[in-house]
Amino acid sequence: MENAITNYLSELVQPRESLFQDMEQYATEHHVPIMDIVGMETLLQLLRVQKPKKILEVGAAIGYSGLRMADTLPNVTIITIERDEERATVAKQYIQTSNLAEQISLIQGDALEVVEEVKMHGPYDAIFIDAAKGQYQRFFDLYAPMLSEQGVIYTDNVLFKGLVATPEEEVEQIEPKRIRQLVKKIKSYNHWLMNHEEYYTMIVPVGDGLAITTRRVRPNEEA
């Protein structure tokens, strides 16, 4: 039923322009993980409502989601980070061939190591975490302080193909070990995030799972 609904929604989505279709094809052929259509459109709709002026993207890959966000929000500035040199090169090429290059700045480097450079461009109205899933909590801890007062943090892939719903007593049976370790880390991140004393979070079951996080309003901050 879920696959049928996803397929139905995907068919309703308006065709993307040729650049994005080319990127989707490249991602498929080169096994580059990018957001699926329904997940991407959900994020874009949330951003239309939020209207951020500056976005930090942790994990550019080939630049697909960054370009989609820039295309949707003409007045936004995006700082995006990519560790992989080959993917960063491809992302830069796509950015340069688009008409959105002035909106996007790509920092090539490990998101755990370029914090000070990223901080210089902040604060950010939206932070999109979509990099190494095993490092999500570290990314959040490093970059959440750069969030603007009314900012929102979006984290992708938090349902990890549904594997996070595996009962605790069955997690050890997941193979291979690398996937099992990722499942444990994402489950831990989700629990930590949903119970964070300083943030409200809800996980939306679209795409591979999208967590939407906002700051908790303290009593003395309420209007």
N, C-alpha and C. Protein backbone atom coordinates (compact mmCIF):
# COMPACT_ATOMS: atom_id res chain seq x y z
N MET A 1 0.83 -1.21 0.00
CA MET A 1 0.00 0.00 0.00
C MET A 1 0.87 1.26 0.00
N GLU A 2 1.93 1.27 0.84
CA GLU A 2 2.80 2.44 0.91
C GLU A 2 3.47 2.71 -0.42
N ASN A 3 3.96 1.65 -1.08
CA ASN A 3 4.59 1.82 -2.40
C ASN A 3 3.59 2.34 -3.42
N ALA A 4 2.37 1.87 -3.34
CA ALA A 4 1.33 2.32 -4.27
C ALA A 4 1.05 3.81 -4.07
N ILE A 5 1.01 4.23 -2.82
CA ILE A 5 0.77 5.65 -2.52
C ILE A 5 1.94 6.50 -3.00
N THR A 6 3.16 6.02 -2.74
CA THR A 6 4.34 6.76 -3.19
C THR A 6 4.35 6.89 -4.70
N ASN A 7 4.05 5.82 -5.39
CA ASN A 7 4.00 5.86 -6.86
C ASN A 7 2.92 6.83 -7.34
N TYR A 8 1.78 6.80 -6.66
CA TYR A 8 0.68 7.70 -7.02
C TYR A 8 1.10 9.16 -6.87
N LEU A 9 1.73 9.47 -5.72
CA LEU A 9 2.17 10.85 -5.48
C LEU A 9 3.26 11.26 -6.47
N SER A 10 4.15 10.33 -6.77
CA SER A 10 5.23 10.63 -7.72
C SER A 10 4.67 11.00 -9.09
N GLU A 11 3.62 10.31 -9.48
CA GLU A 11 3.00 10.58 -10.78
C GLU A 11 2.30 11.93 -10.81
N LEU A 12 1.86 12.40 -9.64
CA LEU A 12 1.18 13.70 -9.58
C LEU A 12 2.15 14.88 -9.63
N VAL A 13 3.40 14.63 -9.25
CA VAL A 13 4.39 15.71 -9.21
C VAL A 13 4.65 16.22 -10.62
N GLN A 14 4.70 17.54 -10.76
CA GLN A 14 4.95 18.14 -12.07
C GLN A 14 6.36 17.77 -12.55
N PRO A 15 6.53 17.60 -13.84
CA PRO A 15 7.84 17.22 -14.39
C PRO A 15 8.91 18.23 -14.00
N ARG A 16 10.09 17.73 -13.64
CA ARG A 16 11.20 18.61 -13.34
C ARG A 16 11.84 19.08 -14.65
N GLU A 17 12.52 20.23 -14.60
CA GLU A 17 13.20 20.71 -15.80
C GLU A 17 14.34 19.76 -16.16
N SER A 18 14.84 19.89 -17.37
CA SER A 18 15.79 18.91 -17.91
C SER A 18 17.05 18.76 -17.06
N LEU A 19 17.53 19.85 -16.47
CA LEU A 19 18.73 19.77 -15.63
C LEU A 19 18.52 18.77 -14.50
N PHE A 20 17.39 18.87 -13.83
CA PHE A 20 17.14 17.99 -12.70
C PHE A 20 16.88 16.55 -13.15
N GLN A 21 16.26 16.39 -14.28
CA GLN A 21 16.07 15.04 -14.81
C GLN A 21 17.42 14.41 -15.17
N ASP A 22 18.33 15.21 -15.72
CA ASP A 22 19.68 14.72 -16.02
C ASP A 22 20.40 14.31 -14.74
N MET A 23 20.25 15.10 -13.69
CA MET A 23 20.90 14.79 -12.42
C MET A 23 20.32 13.51 -11.81
N GLU A 24 19.02 13.36 -11.93
CA GLU A 24 18.38 12.14 -11.41
C GLU A 24 18.90 10.91 -12.14
N GLN A 25 19.08 11.04 -13.45
CA GLN A 25 19.60 9.93 -14.24
C GLN A 25 21.05 9.64 -13.87
N TYR A 26 21.84 10.69 -13.70
CA TYR A 26 23.25 10.51 -13.30
C TYR A 26 23.33 9.80 -11.96
N ALA A 27 22.50 10.23 -11.02
CA ALA A 27 22.51 9.62 -9.69
C ALA A 27 22.17 8.13 -9.76
N THR A 28 21.21 7.79 -10.59
CA THR A 28 20.83 6.39 -10.75
C THR A 28 21.97 5.58 -11.36
N GLU A 29 22.57 6.12 -12.41
CA GLU A 29 23.62 5.39 -13.12
C GLU A 29 24.90 5.25 -12.31
N HIS A 30 25.18 6.23 -11.45
CA HIS A 30 26.43 6.22 -10.68
C HIS A 30 26.21 5.88 -9.21
N HIS A 31 25.01 5.44 -8.89
CA HIS A 31 24.69 4.99 -7.52
C HIS A 31 24.97 6.08 -6.48
N VAL A 32 24.56 7.29 -6.81
CA VAL A 32 24.68 8.42 -5.88
C VAL A 32 23.34 8.60 -5.18
N PRO A 33 23.32 8.55 -3.86
CA PRO A 33 22.04 8.71 -3.15
C PRO A 33 21.56 10.16 -3.17
N ILE A 34 20.38 10.38 -3.73
CA ILE A 34 19.74 11.69 -3.67
C ILE A 34 18.32 11.48 -3.14
N MET A 35 17.69 12.56 -2.73
CA MET A 35 16.32 12.44 -2.21
C MET A 35 15.39 11.92 -3.29
N ASP A 36 14.47 11.04 -2.90
CA ASP A 36 13.47 10.58 -3.86
C ASP A 36 12.48 11.72 -4.13
N ILE A 37 11.68 11.56 -5.16
CA ILE A 37 10.83 12.64 -5.64
C ILE A 37 9.86 13.15 -4.56
N VAL A 38 9.16 12.22 -3.89
CA VAL A 38 8.17 12.64 -2.90
C VAL A 38 8.84 13.31 -1.70
N GLY A 39 9.95 12.76 -1.25
CA GLY A 39 10.68 13.38 -0.14
C GLY A 39 11.17 14.77 -0.50
N MET A 40 11.70 14.91 -1.72
CA MET A 40 12.21 16.20 -2.17
C MET A 40 11.10 17.23 -2.26
N GLU A 41 9.98 16.84 -2.84
CA GLU A 41 8.86 17.78 -2.98
C GLU A 41 8.29 18.17 -1.62
N THR A 42 8.32 17.25 -0.67
CA THR A 42 7.85 17.57 0.68
C THR A 42 8.75 18.61 1.32
N LEU A 43 10.06 18.41 1.21
CA LEU A 43 11.00 19.38 1.76
C LEU A 43 10.82 20.74 1.10
N LEU A 44 10.67 20.76 -0.20
CA LEU A 44 10.50 22.03 -0.91
C LEU A 44 9.23 22.75 -0.47
N GLN A 45 8.17 22.00 -0.24
CA GLN A 45 6.92 22.63 0.21
C GLN A 45 7.09 23.22 1.61
N LEU A 46 7.79 22.51 2.48
CA LEU A 46 8.06 23.03 3.82
C LEU A 46 8.89 24.31 3.74
N LEU A 47 9.84 24.34 2.83
CA LEU A 47 10.67 25.53 2.67
C LEU A 47 9.88 26.69 2.07
N ARG A 48 8.93 26.40 1.21
CA ARG A 48 8.06 27.47 0.68
C ARG A 48 7.28 28.12 1.82
N VAL A 49 6.83 27.31 2.75
CA VAL A 49 6.09 27.84 3.90
C VAL A 49 7.03 28.62 4.82
N GLN A 50 8.20 28.08 5.06
CA GLN A 50 9.15 28.71 6.00
C GLN A 50 9.78 29.97 5.44
N LYS A 51 10.10 29.97 4.14
CA LYS A 51 10.75 31.10 3.46
C LYS A 51 12.10 31.47 4.08
N PRO A 52 13.02 30.52 4.20
CA PRO A 52 14.34 30.85 4.74
C PRO A 52 15.13 31.71 3.75
N LYS A 53 16.01 32.54 4.31
CA LYS A 53 16.86 33.36 3.46
C LYS A 53 18.25 32.75 3.30
N LYS A 54 18.63 31.91 4.27
CA LYS A 54 19.94 31.26 4.19
C LYS A 54 19.81 29.83 4.67
N ILE A 55 20.33 28.89 3.88
CA ILE A 55 20.24 27.47 4.18
C ILE A 55 21.64 26.87 4.23
N LEU A 56 21.88 26.02 5.22
CA LEU A 56 23.09 25.21 5.28
C LEU A 56 22.71 23.77 4.94
N GLU A 57 23.39 23.21 3.97
CA GLU A 57 23.17 21.81 3.60
C GLU A 57 24.42 21.01 3.95
N VAL A 58 24.25 20.03 4.82
CA VAL A 58 25.36 19.16 5.21
C VAL A 58 25.25 17.89 4.37
N GLY A 59 26.02 17.83 3.29
CA GLY A 59 25.97 16.69 2.39
C GLY A 59 25.39 17.07 1.04
N ALA A 60 26.23 17.59 0.15
CA ALA A 60 25.75 18.06 -1.16
C ALA A 60 25.57 16.93 -2.16
N ALA A 61 26.40 15.87 -2.04
CA ALA A 61 26.46 14.82 -3.07
C ALA A 61 26.76 15.50 -4.41
N ILE A 62 25.88 15.36 -5.40
CA ILE A 62 26.13 15.98 -6.71
C ILE A 62 25.41 17.32 -6.86
N GLY A 63 24.87 17.84 -5.76
CA GLY A 63 24.25 19.16 -5.79
C GLY A 63 22.77 19.17 -6.11
N TYR A 64 22.14 18.01 -6.17
CA TYR A 64 20.74 17.92 -6.59
C TYR A 64 19.80 18.69 -5.66
N SER A 65 19.82 18.35 -4.38
CA SER A 65 18.88 19.00 -3.47
C SER A 65 19.19 20.48 -3.30
N GLY A 66 20.48 20.83 -3.31
CA GLY A 66 20.84 22.24 -3.21
C GLY A 66 20.29 23.05 -4.37
N LEU A 67 20.42 22.50 -5.57
CA LEU A 67 19.90 23.19 -6.75
C LEU A 67 18.38 23.23 -6.75
N ARG A 68 17.75 22.15 -6.29
CA ARG A 68 16.28 22.16 -6.21
C ARG A 68 15.80 23.23 -5.23
N MET A 69 16.50 23.37 -4.10
CA MET A 69 16.11 24.39 -3.12
C MET A 69 16.33 25.79 -3.67
N ALA A 70 17.45 26.00 -4.34
CA ALA A 70 17.73 27.32 -4.92
C ALA A 70 16.72 27.67 -6.01
N ASP A 71 16.33 26.68 -6.79
CA ASP A 71 15.35 26.90 -7.86
C ASP A 71 13.98 27.25 -7.29
N THR A 72 13.65 26.66 -6.15
CA THR A 72 12.34 26.89 -5.52
C THR A 72 12.29 28.22 -4.79
N LEU A 73 13.43 28.64 -4.24
CA LEU A 73 13.49 29.87 -3.43
C LEU A 73 14.47 30.84 -4.08
N PRO A 74 14.00 31.71 -4.97
CA PRO A 74 14.89 32.59 -5.74
C PRO A 74 15.74 33.53 -4.89
N ASN A 75 15.30 33.83 -3.67
CA ASN A 75 16.04 34.78 -2.85
C ASN A 75 16.90 34.12 -1.78
N VAL A 76 17.04 32.81 -1.84
CA VAL A 76 17.79 32.11 -0.80
C VAL A 76 19.27 32.03 -1.16
N THR A 77 20.10 31.99 -0.12
CA THR A 77 21.53 31.72 -0.26
C THR A 77 21.80 30.37 0.39
N ILE A 78 22.53 29.51 -0.30
CA ILE A 78 22.78 28.16 0.20
C ILE A 78 24.28 27.91 0.34
N ILE A 79 24.68 27.47 1.52
CA ILE A 79 26.03 26.99 1.76
C ILE A 79 25.93 25.48 1.86
N THR A 80 26.66 24.76 1.03
CA THR A 80 26.55 23.31 1.02
C THR A 80 27.93 22.68 1.16
N ILE A 81 28.00 21.58 1.89
CA ILE A 81 29.26 20.91 2.20
C ILE A 81 29.28 19.53 1.56
N GLU A 82 30.40 19.18 0.95
CA GLU A 82 30.57 17.82 0.42
C GLU A 82 31.99 17.33 0.66
N ARG A 83 32.11 16.16 1.27
CA ARG A 83 33.42 15.61 1.59
C ARG A 83 34.08 14.93 0.39
N ASP A 84 33.28 14.20 -0.39
CA ASP A 84 33.82 13.41 -1.50
C ASP A 84 34.26 14.31 -2.65
N GLU A 85 35.52 14.20 -3.03
CA GLU A 85 36.08 15.11 -4.04
C GLU A 85 35.41 14.93 -5.40
N GLU A 86 35.18 13.68 -5.79
CA GLU A 86 34.57 13.43 -7.10
C GLU A 86 33.15 13.98 -7.15
N ARG A 87 32.38 13.73 -6.11
CA ARG A 87 31.00 14.23 -6.09
C ARG A 87 30.98 15.76 -6.03
N ALA A 88 31.91 16.34 -5.27
CA ALA A 88 31.97 17.80 -5.18
C ALA A 88 32.27 18.41 -6.55
N THR A 89 33.15 17.76 -7.31
CA THR A 89 33.48 18.24 -8.65
C THR A 89 32.27 18.19 -9.56
N VAL A 90 31.53 17.09 -9.50
CA VAL A 90 30.32 16.96 -10.31
C VAL A 90 29.29 18.01 -9.89
N ALA A 91 29.16 18.21 -8.58
CA ALA A 91 28.21 19.21 -8.07
C ALA A 91 28.56 20.60 -8.59
N LYS A 92 29.84 20.94 -8.56
CA LYS A 92 30.26 22.26 -9.05
C LYS A 92 29.93 22.42 -10.53
N GLN A 93 30.12 21.36 -11.29
CA GLN A 93 29.81 21.42 -12.72
C GLN A 93 28.32 21.66 -12.95
N TYR A 94 27.49 20.95 -12.21
CA TYR A 94 26.05 21.15 -12.35
C TYR A 94 25.64 22.56 -11.92
N ILE A 95 26.24 23.03 -10.84
CA ILE A 95 25.91 24.37 -10.34
C ILE A 95 26.29 25.42 -11.38
N GLN A 96 27.46 25.27 -11.98
CA GLN A 96 27.93 26.25 -12.96
C GLN A 96 27.10 26.25 -14.23
N THR A 97 26.57 25.08 -14.61
CA THR A 97 25.77 25.02 -15.83
C THR A 97 24.33 25.47 -15.61
N SER A 98 23.95 25.64 -14.35
CA SER A 98 22.60 26.12 -14.04
C SER A 98 22.61 27.64 -14.07
N ASN A 99 21.44 28.23 -13.85
CA ASN A 99 21.36 29.69 -13.72
C ASN A 99 21.23 30.08 -12.25
N LEU A 100 21.73 29.18 -11.37
CA LEU A 100 21.55 29.36 -9.93
C LEU A 100 22.89 29.48 -9.20
N ALA A 101 23.98 29.61 -9.94
CA ALA A 101 25.31 29.58 -9.34
C ALA A 101 25.53 30.68 -8.31
N GLU A 102 24.90 31.83 -8.51
CA GLU A 102 25.10 32.94 -7.57
C GLU A 102 24.46 32.67 -6.21
N GLN A 103 23.56 31.71 -6.16
CA GLN A 103 22.87 31.42 -4.90
C GLN A 103 23.57 30.36 -4.06
N ILE A 104 24.48 29.59 -4.66
CA ILE A 104 25.04 28.42 -3.99
C ILE A 104 26.55 28.53 -3.86
N SER A 105 27.06 28.29 -2.64
CA SER A 105 28.50 28.20 -2.40
C SER A 105 28.80 26.81 -1.86
N LEU A 106 29.69 26.09 -2.52
CA LEU A 106 30.03 24.73 -2.11
C LEU A 106 31.37 24.72 -1.38
N ILE A 107 31.37 24.14 -0.21
CA ILE A 107 32.59 23.96 0.57
C ILE A 107 32.98 22.49 0.48
N GLN A 108 34.13 22.21 -0.12
CA GLN A 108 34.57 20.82 -0.17
C GLN A 108 35.39 20.50 1.07
N GLY A 109 34.95 19.51 1.81
CA GLY A 109 35.64 19.12 3.03
C GLY A 109 34.74 18.30 3.91
N ASP A 110 35.31 17.78 4.97
CA ASP A 110 34.57 16.98 5.94
C ASP A 110 33.74 17.90 6.81
N ALA A 111 32.45 17.64 6.92
CA ALA A 111 31.57 18.50 7.71
C ALA A 111 31.97 18.55 9.17
N LEU A 112 32.74 17.57 9.62
CA LEU A 112 33.22 17.58 11.00
C LEU A 112 34.43 18.48 11.17
N GLU A 113 35.00 18.95 10.05
CA GLU A 113 36.25 19.70 10.11
C GLU A 113 36.16 21.13 9.57
N VAL A 114 35.05 21.48 8.92
CA VAL A 114 34.96 22.81 8.30
C VAL A 114 34.02 23.73 9.08
N VAL A 115 33.83 23.43 10.34
CA VAL A 115 32.84 24.14 11.15
C VAL A 115 33.10 25.64 11.20
N GLU A 116 34.33 26.03 11.41
CA GLU A 116 34.64 27.46 11.54
C GLU A 116 34.37 28.20 10.24
N GLU A 117 34.70 27.59 9.12
CA GLU A 117 34.43 28.22 7.83
C GLU A 117 32.93 28.37 7.60
N VAL A 118 32.18 27.33 7.96
CA VAL A 118 30.72 27.38 7.79
C VAL A 118 30.12 28.43 8.71
N LYS A 119 30.66 28.54 9.91
CA LYS A 119 30.14 29.49 10.90
C LYS A 119 30.24 30.92 10.40
N MET A 120 31.26 31.21 9.62
CA MET A 120 31.47 32.56 9.10
C MET A 120 30.31 33.02 8.22
N HIS A 121 29.60 32.07 7.63
CA HIS A 121 28.50 32.40 6.71
C HIS A 121 27.14 32.45 7.42
N GLY A 122 27.09 32.02 8.69
CA GLY A 122 25.82 31.93 9.40
C GLY A 122 25.34 33.27 9.93
N PRO A 123 24.23 33.28 10.68
CA PRO A 123 23.40 32.12 11.05
C PRO A 123 22.54 31.65 9.87
N TYR A 124 21.93 30.47 10.06
CA TYR A 124 21.14 29.84 9.01
C TYR A 124 19.68 29.68 9.45
N ASP A 125 18.78 29.98 8.53
CA ASP A 125 17.35 29.84 8.82
C ASP A 125 16.89 28.39 8.69
N ALA A 126 17.61 27.64 7.90
CA ALA A 126 17.31 26.21 7.75
C ALA A 126 18.62 25.46 7.63
N ILE A 127 18.68 24.30 8.27
CA ILE A 127 19.84 23.41 8.16
C ILE A 127 19.31 22.07 7.69
N PHE A 128 19.89 21.57 6.62
CA PHE A 128 19.47 20.29 6.05
C PHE A 128 20.60 19.29 6.20
N ILE A 129 20.39 18.29 7.04
CA ILE A 129 21.41 17.27 7.30
C ILE A 129 21.13 16.05 6.43
N ASP A 130 22.06 15.76 5.53
CA ASP A 130 21.85 14.66 4.58
C ASP A 130 23.20 14.07 4.19
N ALA A 131 24.07 13.86 5.18
CA ALA A 131 25.40 13.34 4.92
C ALA A 131 25.54 11.96 5.57
N ALA A 132 26.73 11.63 6.06
CA ALA A 132 26.97 10.31 6.65
C ALA A 132 26.02 10.06 7.82
N LYS A 133 25.15 9.08 7.66
CA LYS A 133 24.08 8.85 8.64
C LYS A 133 24.62 8.47 10.02
N GLY A 134 25.78 7.84 10.06
CA GLY A 134 26.35 7.45 11.34
C GLY A 134 26.85 8.63 12.15
N GLN A 135 26.93 9.81 11.51
CA GLN A 135 27.45 11.01 12.18
C GLN A 135 26.36 12.05 12.43
N TYR A 136 25.10 11.70 12.26
CA TYR A 136 24.03 12.68 12.36
C TYR A 136 24.05 13.46 13.68
N GLN A 137 24.24 12.77 14.79
CA GLN A 137 24.19 13.48 16.07
C GLN A 137 25.35 14.46 16.20
N ARG A 138 26.51 14.09 15.70
CA ARG A 138 27.65 15.01 15.73
C ARG A 138 27.40 16.21 14.84
N PHE A 139 26.83 15.98 13.66
CA PHE A 139 26.50 17.10 12.78
C PHE A 139 25.52 18.05 13.47
N PHE A 140 24.51 17.47 14.09
CA PHE A 140 23.49 18.28 14.76
C PHE A 140 24.14 19.12 15.86
N ASP A 141 24.96 18.49 16.69
CA ASP A 141 25.60 19.21 17.80
C ASP A 141 26.49 20.34 17.29
N LEU A 142 27.17 20.11 16.18
CA LEU A 142 28.10 21.11 15.64
C LEU A 142 27.38 22.29 15.00
N TYR A 143 26.28 22.01 14.30
CA TYR A 143 25.67 23.06 13.48
C TYR A 143 24.38 23.66 14.03
N ALA A 144 23.72 22.98 14.94
CA ALA A 144 22.50 23.54 15.53
C ALA A 144 22.74 24.91 16.18
N PRO A 145 23.90 25.15 16.82
CA PRO A 145 24.14 26.48 17.39
C PRO A 145 24.16 27.60 16.35
N MET A 146 24.28 27.25 15.07
CA MET A 146 24.29 28.26 14.01
C MET A 146 22.89 28.56 13.48
N LEU A 147 21.88 27.93 14.06
CA LEU A 147 20.51 28.10 13.61
C LEU A 147 19.97 29.45 14.07
N SER A 148 19.26 30.15 13.20
CA SER A 148 18.64 31.41 13.58
C SER A 148 17.51 31.15 14.57
N GLU A 149 17.02 32.20 15.19
CA GLU A 149 16.05 32.05 16.28
C GLU A 149 14.82 31.25 15.88
N GLN A 150 14.29 31.49 14.70
CA GLN A 150 13.09 30.79 14.24
C GLN A 150 13.43 29.70 13.21
N GLY A 151 14.67 29.27 13.22
CA GLY A 151 15.13 28.33 12.21
C GLY A 151 14.59 26.91 12.38
N VAL A 152 14.77 26.13 11.33
CA VAL A 152 14.30 24.74 11.31
C VAL A 152 15.44 23.84 10.83
N ILE A 153 15.59 22.69 11.48
CA ILE A 153 16.57 21.70 11.05
C ILE A 153 15.83 20.51 10.45
N TYR A 154 16.22 20.14 9.25
CA TYR A 154 15.63 18.99 8.57
C TYR A 154 16.69 17.90 8.46
N THR A 155 16.34 16.68 8.84
CA THR A 155 17.27 15.55 8.71
C THR A 155 16.65 14.48 7.84
N ASP A 156 17.37 14.09 6.79
CA ASP A 156 16.84 13.09 5.86
C ASP A 156 17.27 11.67 6.26
N ASN A 157 16.59 10.68 5.71
CA ASN A 157 16.93 9.26 5.86
C ASN A 157 16.81 8.72 7.27
N VAL A 158 15.98 9.33 8.11
CA VAL A 158 15.91 8.90 9.50
C VAL A 158 15.06 7.64 9.70
N LEU A 159 14.39 7.17 8.66
CA LEU A 159 13.68 5.89 8.76
C LEU A 159 14.47 4.77 8.07
N PHE A 160 15.47 5.12 7.32
CA PHE A 160 16.46 4.19 6.76
C PHE A 160 15.81 2.92 6.20
N LYS A 161 15.00 3.13 5.18
CA LYS A 161 14.32 2.03 4.48
C LYS A 161 13.43 1.19 5.41
N GLY A 162 12.98 1.82 6.50
CA GLY A 162 12.11 1.12 7.44
C GLY A 162 12.84 0.26 8.44
N LEU A 163 14.15 0.15 8.32
CA LEU A 163 14.91 -0.74 9.20
C LEU A 163 14.93 -0.27 10.65
N VAL A 164 14.71 1.03 10.87
CA VAL A 164 14.71 1.52 12.25
C VAL A 164 13.52 0.98 13.04
N ALA A 165 12.52 0.47 12.34
CA ALA A 165 11.35 -0.10 13.02
C ALA A 165 11.58 -1.55 13.44
N THR A 166 12.75 -2.08 13.15
CA THR A 166 13.09 -3.44 13.55
C THR A 166 13.06 -3.55 15.07
N PRO A 167 12.34 -4.52 15.64
CA PRO A 167 12.33 -4.69 17.10
C PRO A 167 13.74 -4.85 17.64
N GLU A 168 13.98 -4.32 18.84
CA GLU A 168 15.31 -4.34 19.43
C GLU A 168 15.91 -5.74 19.46
N GLU A 169 15.07 -6.72 19.77
CA GLU A 169 15.59 -8.09 19.89
C GLU A 169 15.98 -8.70 18.54
N GLU A 170 15.62 -8.01 17.44
CA GLU A 170 15.94 -8.54 16.11
C GLU A 170 17.02 -7.74 15.40
N VAL A 171 17.43 -6.62 15.99
CA VAL A 171 18.42 -5.76 15.33
C VAL A 171 19.72 -6.50 15.07
N GLU A 172 20.15 -7.33 16.02
CA GLU A 172 21.41 -8.04 15.88
C GLU A 172 21.40 -9.03 14.72
N GLN A 173 20.24 -9.31 14.19
CA GLN A 173 20.14 -10.25 13.07
C GLN A 173 20.29 -9.56 11.71
N ILE A 174 20.31 -8.22 11.72
CA ILE A 174 20.43 -7.48 10.46
C ILE A 174 21.82 -7.67 9.86
N GLU A 175 21.88 -8.01 8.60
CA GLU A 175 23.14 -8.18 7.89
C GLU A 175 23.13 -7.30 6.63
N PRO A 176 24.31 -6.83 6.20
CA PRO A 176 25.62 -7.01 6.82
C PRO A 176 25.81 -6.15 8.07
N LYS A 177 26.94 -6.32 8.71
CA LYS A 177 27.23 -5.63 9.97
C LYS A 177 27.19 -4.11 9.79
N ARG A 178 27.68 -3.61 8.66
CA ARG A 178 27.70 -2.16 8.42
C ARG A 178 26.30 -1.58 8.48
N ILE A 179 25.34 -2.28 7.88
CA ILE A 179 23.96 -1.82 7.91
C ILE A 179 23.41 -1.91 9.33
N ARG A 180 23.74 -2.97 10.01
CA ARG A 180 23.28 -3.14 11.40
C ARG A 180 23.77 -1.99 12.28
N GLN A 181 25.03 -1.60 12.10
CA GLN A 181 25.58 -0.51 12.90
C GLN A 181 24.90 0.82 12.56
N LEU A 182 24.60 1.03 11.28
CA LEU A 182 23.89 2.25 10.89
C LEU A 182 22.49 2.29 11.48
N VAL A 183 21.81 1.17 11.46
CA VAL A 183 20.47 1.10 12.05
C VAL A 183 20.53 1.50 13.52
N LYS A 184 21.49 0.98 14.24
CA LYS A 184 21.64 1.30 15.66
C LYS A 184 21.88 2.80 15.86
N LYS A 185 22.75 3.37 15.03
CA LYS A 185 23.08 4.78 15.19
C LYS A 185 21.90 5.69 14.84
N ILE A 186 21.16 5.33 13.80
CA ILE A 186 20.01 6.16 13.42
C ILE A 186 18.90 6.03 14.45
N LYS A 187 18.66 4.83 14.96
CA LYS A 187 17.67 4.65 16.02
C LYS A 187 18.06 5.48 17.24
N SER A 188 19.34 5.48 17.57
CA SER A 188 19.82 6.26 18.71
C SER A 188 19.63 7.76 18.46
N TYR A 189 19.95 8.20 17.24
CA TYR A 189 19.78 9.61 16.88
C TYR A 189 18.32 10.01 16.98
N ASN A 190 17.43 9.20 16.44
CA ASN A 190 16.00 9.52 16.47
C ASN A 190 15.49 9.65 17.90
N HIS A 191 15.89 8.72 18.74
CA HIS A 191 15.45 8.75 20.15
C HIS A 191 16.00 9.99 20.84
N TRP A 192 17.27 10.28 20.61
CA TRP A 192 17.91 11.45 21.21
C TRP A 192 17.23 12.73 20.74
N LEU A 193 16.95 12.80 19.45
CA LEU A 193 16.36 14.01 18.88
C LEU A 193 14.92 14.22 19.36
N MET A 194 14.15 13.16 19.38
CA MET A 194 12.74 13.26 19.79
C MET A 194 12.59 13.60 21.27
N ASN A 195 13.64 13.34 22.05
CA ASN A 195 13.58 13.60 23.49
C ASN A 195 14.49 14.75 23.92
N HIS A 196 14.96 15.52 22.96
CA HIS A 196 15.87 16.63 23.26
C HIS A 196 15.16 17.71 24.06
N GLU A 197 15.81 18.20 25.09
CA GLU A 197 15.19 19.20 25.97
C GLU A 197 15.07 20.57 25.32
N GLU A 198 15.84 20.83 24.27
CA GLU A 198 15.84 22.16 23.68
C GLU A 198 15.12 22.25 22.33
N TYR A 199 14.66 21.10 21.82
CA TYR A 199 14.05 21.09 20.48
C TYR A 199 12.80 20.23 20.44
N TYR A 200 11.87 20.63 19.59
CA TYR A 200 10.72 19.80 19.23
C TYR A 200 11.04 19.13 17.89
N THR A 201 10.70 17.86 17.77
CA THR A 201 10.93 17.15 16.51
C THR A 201 9.76 16.25 16.18
N MET A 202 9.43 16.19 14.89
CA MET A 202 8.50 15.17 14.40
C MET A 202 9.11 14.54 13.17
N ILE A 203 8.97 13.24 13.07
CA ILE A 203 9.48 12.50 11.91
C ILE A 203 8.31 12.22 10.97
N VAL A 204 8.46 12.66 9.73
CA VAL A 204 7.41 12.48 8.73
C VAL A 204 7.79 11.30 7.83
N PRO A 205 6.90 10.32 7.68
CA PRO A 205 7.23 9.13 6.89
C PRO A 205 7.08 9.35 5.39
N VAL A 206 7.85 10.28 4.86
CA VAL A 206 7.90 10.50 3.41
C VAL A 206 9.33 10.21 2.95
N GLY A 207 9.47 9.77 1.71
CA GLY A 207 10.79 9.42 1.23
C GLY A 207 11.40 8.36 2.14
N ASP A 208 12.60 8.63 2.61
CA ASP A 208 13.27 7.71 3.54
C ASP A 208 13.16 8.20 4.97
N GLY A 209 12.18 9.08 5.22
CA GLY A 209 11.97 9.61 6.57
C GLY A 209 12.62 10.96 6.73
N LEU A 210 11.82 11.97 7.06
CA LEU A 210 12.32 13.34 7.22
C LEU A 210 11.98 13.84 8.61
N ALA A 211 13.01 14.17 9.39
CA ALA A 211 12.82 14.74 10.72
C ALA A 211 12.78 16.26 10.61
N ILE A 212 11.80 16.87 11.26
CA ILE A 212 11.62 18.32 11.24
C ILE A 212 11.77 18.82 12.66
N THR A 213 12.76 19.67 12.89
CA THR A 213 13.14 20.07 14.24
C THR A 213 13.10 21.59 14.41
N THR A 214 12.47 22.05 15.48
CA THR A 214 12.44 23.47 15.82
C THR A 214 12.82 23.64 17.28
N ARG A 215 13.25 24.84 17.62
CA ARG A 215 13.60 25.12 19.01
C ARG A 215 12.36 25.13 19.89
N ARG A 216 12.51 24.67 21.11
CA ARG A 216 11.44 24.80 22.09
C ARG A 216 11.37 26.26 22.53
N VAL A 217 10.16 26.77 22.68
CA VAL A 217 9.97 28.14 23.14
C VAL A 217 9.93 28.14 24.66
N ARG A 218 10.85 28.89 25.26
CA ARG A 218 10.87 28.98 26.72
C ARG A 218 9.75 29.91 27.17
N PRO A 219 9.22 29.72 28.39
CA PRO A 219 8.08 30.52 28.88
C PRO A 219 8.30 32.02 28.76
N ASN A 220 9.52 32.49 29.06
CA ASN A 220 9.77 33.93 29.02
C ASN A 220 9.96 34.46 27.61
N GLU A 221 9.95 33.54 26.60
CA GLU A 221 10.09 33.96 25.21
C GLU A 221 8.75 34.02 24.50
N GLU A 222 7.70 33.51 25.14
CA GLU A 222 6.39 33.48 24.50
C GLU A 222 5.83 34.89 24.36
N ALA A 223 5.12 35.10 23.27
CA ALA A 223 4.55 36.43 23.02
C ALA A 223 3.45 36.75 24.02
